[in-house]
């Protein structure tokens, strides 16, 4: 959220809204990975429609994701699984 390029997506959001967004993300990821969480949010296309997320925004986000996975020393196999899953959502999120 502190990223100069990506921070605009969280401007004017309350802390409660951000907390809800984080929980929905956890639920979504766990549900898609076959875990016990039930995802009650909208699909990725509806959720991100109108946000004007560009390919440059996506690349920046993927860089942060890679940094996070490295920080937690996730093994290569699991890192590849996470990245492949996230990449599978790109067409539903990036506009244009």
C-alpha atoms as a PDB file:
ATOM      1  CA  UNK A   1       0.000   0.000   0.000  1.00  0.00           C
ATOM      2  CA  UNK A   2       3.012   2.287   0.471  1.00  0.00           C
ATOM      3  CA  UNK A   3       4.145   1.824  -3.138  1.00  0.00           C
ATOM      4  CA  UNK A   4       4.019   5.126  -5.034  1.00  0.00           C
ATOM      5  CA  UNK A   5       2.513   3.501  -8.124  1.00  0.00           C
ATOM      6  CA  UNK A   6       0.097   1.056  -6.489  1.00  0.00           C
ATOM      7  CA  UNK A   7      -0.891   3.009  -3.393  1.00  0.00           C
ATOM      8  CA  UNK A   8      -3.672   4.761  -5.296  1.00  0.00           C
ATOM      9  CA  UNK A   9      -5.779   1.623  -5.050  1.00  0.00           C
ATOM     10  CA  UNK A  10      -6.058   2.049  -1.271  1.00  0.00           C
ATOM     11  CA  UNK A  11      -6.541   5.808  -1.105  1.00  0.00           C
ATOM     12  CA  UNK A  12      -9.672   6.929   0.683  1.00  0.00           C
ATOM     13  CA  UNK A  13     -10.268   3.462   2.121  1.00  0.00           C
ATOM     14  CA  UNK A  14     -11.100   3.065   5.773  1.00  0.00           C
ATOM     15  CA  UNK A  15      -9.063   0.729   7.940  1.00  0.00           C
ATOM     16  CA  UNK A  16     -12.181  -1.429   8.285  1.00  0.00           C
ATOM     17  CA  UNK A  17     -12.499  -1.678   4.496  1.00  0.00           C
ATOM     18  CA  UNK A  18      -8.846  -2.603   4.150  1.00  0.00           C
ATOM     19  CA  UNK A  19      -9.191  -5.245   6.884  1.00  0.00           C
ATOM     20  CA  UNK A  20     -12.206  -6.696   5.055  1.00  0.00           C
ATOM     21  CA  UNK A  21     -10.280  -6.728   1.793  1.00  0.00           C
ATOM     22  CA  UNK A  22      -7.387  -8.576   3.435  1.00  0.00           C
ATOM     23  CA  UNK A  23      -9.747 -11.208   4.870  1.00  0.00           C
ATOM     24  CA  UNK A  24     -11.443 -11.684   1.504  1.00  0.00           C
ATOM     25  CA  UNK A  25      -8.022 -12.182  -0.082  1.00  0.00           C
ATOM     26  CA  UNK A  26      -7.113 -14.811   2.525  1.00  0.00           C
ATOM     27  CA  UNK A  27     -10.451 -16.557   2.008  1.00  0.00           C
ATOM     28  CA  UNK A  28     -10.078 -16.448  -1.791  1.00  0.00           C
ATOM     29  CA  UNK A  29      -6.558 -17.859  -1.806  1.00  0.00           C
ATOM     30  CA  UNK A  30      -7.339 -20.564   0.746  1.00  0.00           C
ATOM     31  CA  UNK A  31     -10.541 -21.554  -1.056  1.00  0.00           C
ATOM     32  CA  UNK A  32      -8.812 -21.737  -4.459  1.00  0.00           C
ATOM     33  CA  UNK A  33      -6.007 -23.815  -2.953  1.00  0.00           C
ATOM     34  CA  UNK A  34      -8.527 -26.376  -1.699  1.00  0.00           C
ATOM     35  CA  UNK A  35      -8.504 -25.221   1.885  1.00  0.00           C
ATOM     36  CA  UNK A  36     -11.446 -25.054   4.264  1.00  0.00           C
ATOM     37  CA  UNK A  37     -12.153 -21.337   3.799  1.00  0.00           C
ATOM     38  CA  UNK A  38     -15.370 -20.358   2.056  1.00  0.00           C
ATOM     39  CA  UNK A  39     -14.996 -17.363  -0.258  1.00  0.00           C
ATOM     40  CA  UNK A  40     -18.022 -15.068  -0.223  1.00  0.00           C
ATOM     41  CA  UNK A  41     -16.603 -12.262  -2.345  1.00  0.00           C
ATOM     42  CA  UNK A  42     -17.203 -11.367  -5.963  1.00  0.00           C
ATOM     43  CA  UNK A  43     -15.263 -12.857  -8.848  1.00  0.00           C
ATOM     44  CA  UNK A  44     -12.009 -11.204  -9.906  1.00  0.00           C
ATOM     45  CA  UNK A  45     -13.448  -9.517 -12.999  1.00  0.00           C
ATOM     46  CA  UNK A  46     -16.241  -7.780 -11.114  1.00  0.00           C
ATOM     47  CA  UNK A  47     -14.004  -6.961  -8.153  1.00  0.00           C
ATOM     48  CA  UNK A  48     -11.377  -5.196 -10.283  1.00  0.00           C
ATOM     49  CA  UNK A  49     -13.583  -3.688 -13.018  1.00  0.00           C
ATOM     50  CA  UNK A  50     -13.034   0.035 -13.419  1.00  0.00           C
ATOM     51  CA  UNK A  51      -9.888   0.139 -11.292  1.00  0.00           C
ATOM     52  CA  UNK A  52      -7.772   0.761 -14.395  1.00  0.00           C
ATOM     53  CA  UNK A  53      -5.138  -1.750 -13.387  1.00  0.00           C
ATOM     54  CA  UNK A  54      -2.511  -1.652 -16.109  1.00  0.00           C
ATOM     55  CA  UNK A  55       0.096  -4.156 -17.220  1.00  0.00           C
ATOM     56  CA  UNK A  56       2.677  -1.926 -15.511  1.00  0.00           C
ATOM     57  CA  UNK A  57       0.689  -2.090 -12.264  1.00  0.00           C
ATOM     58  CA  UNK A  58       0.553  -5.874 -12.603  1.00  0.00           C
ATOM     59  CA  UNK A  59       4.307  -6.130 -13.141  1.00  0.00           C
ATOM     60  CA  UNK A  60       4.922  -3.954 -10.103  1.00  0.00           C
ATOM     61  CA  UNK A  61       2.565  -6.099  -8.014  1.00  0.00           C
ATOM     62  CA  UNK A  62       4.287  -9.311  -9.152  1.00  0.00           C
ATOM     63  CA  UNK A  63       7.609  -7.785  -8.099  1.00  0.00           C
ATOM     64  CA  UNK A  64       6.242  -7.186  -4.595  1.00  0.00           C
ATOM     65  CA  UNK A  65       4.834 -10.706  -4.517  1.00  0.00           C
ATOM     66  CA  UNK A  66       8.216 -12.165  -5.484  1.00  0.00           C
ATOM     67  CA  UNK A  67       9.914 -10.087  -2.788  1.00  0.00           C
ATOM     68  CA  UNK A  68       7.412 -11.350  -0.210  1.00  0.00           C
ATOM     69  CA  UNK A  69       7.870 -14.987  -1.183  1.00  0.00           C
ATOM     70  CA  UNK A  70      11.647 -14.579  -0.980  1.00  0.00           C
ATOM     71  CA  UNK A  71      11.341 -12.853   2.409  1.00  0.00           C
ATOM     72  CA  UNK A  72       9.519 -15.884   3.793  1.00  0.00           C
ATOM     73  CA  UNK A  73      12.007 -18.226   2.090  1.00  0.00           C
ATOM     74  CA  UNK A  74       9.275 -20.152   0.300  1.00  0.00           C
ATOM     75  CA  UNK A  75      10.750 -23.143  -1.531  1.00  0.00           C
ATOM     76  CA  UNK A  76      11.013 -22.874  -5.328  1.00  0.00           C
ATOM     77  CA  UNK A  77       8.267 -25.425  -6.006  1.00  0.00           C
ATOM     78  CA  UNK A  78       5.736 -23.596  -3.835  1.00  0.00           C
ATOM     79  CA  UNK A  79       6.869 -20.219  -5.171  1.00  0.00           C
ATOM     80  CA  UNK A  80       6.208 -21.435  -8.701  1.00  0.00           C
ATOM     81  CA  UNK A  81       2.773 -22.723  -7.680  1.00  0.00           C
ATOM     82  CA  UNK A  82       1.828 -19.387  -6.111  1.00  0.00           C
ATOM     83  CA  UNK A  83       3.101 -17.382  -9.075  1.00  0.00           C
ATOM     84  CA  UNK A  84       1.345 -19.649 -11.575  1.00  0.00           C
ATOM     85  CA  UNK A  85      -1.942 -19.312  -9.720  1.00  0.00           C
ATOM     86  CA  UNK A  86      -1.679 -15.527  -9.438  1.00  0.00           C
ATOM     87  CA  UNK A  87      -0.725 -15.262 -13.123  1.00  0.00           C
ATOM     88  CA  UNK A  88      -3.850 -17.268 -13.978  1.00  0.00           C
ATOM     89  CA  UNK A  89      -5.950 -14.368 -12.658  1.00  0.00           C
ATOM     90  CA  UNK A  90      -4.201 -11.656 -14.700  1.00  0.00           C
ATOM     91  CA  UNK A  91      -6.723 -11.576 -17.554  1.00  0.00           C
ATOM     92  CA  UNK A  92      -9.528 -11.030 -15.042  1.00  0.00           C
ATOM     93  CA  UNK A  93      -7.729  -8.149 -13.312  1.00  0.00           C
ATOM     94  CA  UNK A  94      -5.646  -6.165 -15.813  1.00  0.00           C
ATOM     95  CA  UNK A  95      -7.573  -3.791 -18.073  1.00  0.00           C
ATOM     96  CA  UNK A  96      -6.310  -3.288 -21.585  1.00  0.00           C
END
